[in-house]
Every structure is written in structure tokens, then in C-alpha cells.
Amino acid sequence: MIIKIQNENRSVWIPSPTLNSDSYIALLFEIFWILICSIVVIRCVFVLLKTRQVHLNLSLAISILWLQWFEVALAKIFMLPYQYGFYQLNASTSSVSNFWTSDSSKMILVSNYESISNLCIGGFLLWHYVYSLAIGSAAVAVERIFATFFIGDYEHSTRRLIVIIPAIITQIITLRLTVSSLEHKISFGTVIGVFTVQGVYLFGTQIFVFKYNKRLQSMSNNNKYSLSSKYQISENLRVLNMIRSFVLACSIYTLIACLLFYLTVSQYFSGEFESFINHIIETLIFFNPIILSIVIMHSNKFWWLKFWGFRSKIIRDETKKPDIADETDIYFRQLKNAWV
């Protein structure tokens, strides 16, 4: 929604379509999903950090991205009273449902910035999460690029700067975009552009790194590559296969949200259906851990069982007779332990 501040001749863009809604069912729905998402995020991060199915750098990168979802929960504390009419911005009590508009007559008018300060805090947190999701997920893809670059010793080294530097760069970029969006200095087209580029980059990087490692694997039979390099190539391919569904889900998820956002802002929908689509977009953006966490957990059998707490099943699977693929994995694990 766009809020126009009359006394200061400027406007604020809050990334939420709802104001003065009288649907308490929707309110209960939001509170319910906030609680569910909180549980899912905590559980997912616990599994990622507690188990060592991938390099700790990748686990940390995904965990940082996931934990930022709590910005949404905090933002909702500031915003829900306004969204459902408990606090009024002005004398009007009519319901509002739009993400963005260039029509001044459809903007919400307030007299001063102080009257919307809490709403702006919530808007800042939401914008920051939105851009962190876009830029941060792209930063996750960088981890496997470094794993390919340091192919000789990556798995038995820490190199925490691979996580720290992209995280710092991500924050610098997201803070700049957040402030610009909140102050309505960039258009909805720019926002869509950022997410579209992110989706294409994430998917393209996954394909490029995978194909490059497959090429290295086909060349690894000669004496040019050491045992550690051969292990790293196999590990890269294993991890890339694991996160392939996650990357694909992120890309599709982002592009669908962008398409719906573009259609609703372009007034392709109208009336009650437009309000419904706006709620769908908001749900896609702010409650994505429900889908994406399940996708990333399902990419690894151990993660999946650990996520649902099936400890006895994990123990049985670990004690069964290994097949050829398992024996290969055991060989590489023993090789890795020998380095340590």
C-alpha cells in the first residue's frame, strides 16, 4: 500500500496490501501461520546445524537466510493492529487492498510521519526480509562456486569468510534497497526486476556449477587430479543434486510471485478477486518457509527423518548392509576423516 504524507509531500510504500480489514478469520489465519512458520524455521535450522550432511558453510548460509524470517513475525506485531482496523490511520474506516498504485486518489492520506511510525517499522522489516530472501538465496549459490574453486581442500577447511563476506555484501545491498522501497523511491517494476534476476541467476548458477563439476568428474581419471580433488568433485555433485529441488522451488516460487504481483498492480484483476490475489501474494512472500523448508529437508533422507523426529528409523537405516553407492560414500567419508 502507498501512504501519502501530506505535510511532508512524500509517500511511503508498505509491502502489504491490507488495511482496516474486518476479516477476523484472516487475522486468525495469519497468527496461525506465523506460529507454524516459527516452528518450521527453528526445526529446519536445528537439523541443518546439528547434522553434517553438507559443509558447515552451506548450512550456515541457509540458516542465516532462514532465521531472517523472524523479521516477518516481528513486523506483523507492528502491522496487524493497522491491517485489521484496531488502529486507524485517519478518519476513514474503509478497507484497503492494494500493493502499489500510482493513482493519488487510491493512496492513503495521513497528516504526518509520526502517525505511521509503527507501520513504517513493520514495513522496513518486511522489505528487508523480501530483499534478503532474494539477494541472500543468490549468496547461498556462491558457496558451491567457492567449493569448486577450492577443489583441493575445501571439505576439510573452514574458510568462514565464504559465509561472512557474502552476508555483509547482502546486508549492504538489501539495506539500500529496503530504504529506497520504503521511501517509495523505486517503482514496482524495479522490485519485480530484482526478483526476476535473482530467480534466473539462482537457476543458471546451479546449472553452470553442476555441468562444470560433471566435466571435471569426466576428466578426473587422469593423474592431474589428486584424491582430495576427486573427493571434492564427487561431494560438489552430491550436494548440488541435494539442493537442486530447493533451487528449482525458489526460482519457480519467485517467478510466480512476480507474475501475480505484476498482474495485480497492472489492474488485471478487480474487486474481490483482486483482494484474494493480494492475499495469495502476501502468503507466498511471507510464509514461504512452509514450502521451502519442506523442500530442502526432503532433499536428504537423513534431514527428512531428523526433521520429523524419526530417530529409530535413522538408526535402522544406518545399521543396514550398505549397497555399492553406500560403500562409495563410506570410502569417501573415511578418506575425509583421514585428512582430519
Foldseek 3Di string as FASTA:
>chain_A
DWEAAVQVRFIFAFQAFAFLAQDVVVVVVVVVLVVVLVLLLVLLLCLLCVDPPDAVLLSVLVNVLSVLLVLLVVLCVLPVCGRNVVDDQDPDNDMGGDRDAPDPVNHHYHHDDVSCVSNLSSRLSLQLSLQCNLQSLLLSLVVLVVLLVPLQCVRLDRPNCSNVVSVVVSNVVSNVVSVCNRRPVDDLVVVLVSLLVSLCSLLVSLVVSLVVLVVVQVVVPDPPDDPSSNLSSVSSNLVSQLCVQLSVCSSVLSNVLSVLNVCLRVVVDDDPVSNVSSVVSVCSRSSVSVPSSQSNQVSDPVSVCVSVPVVVVVVVVVPDDDDPVVVVVVVSVVVSVVVD
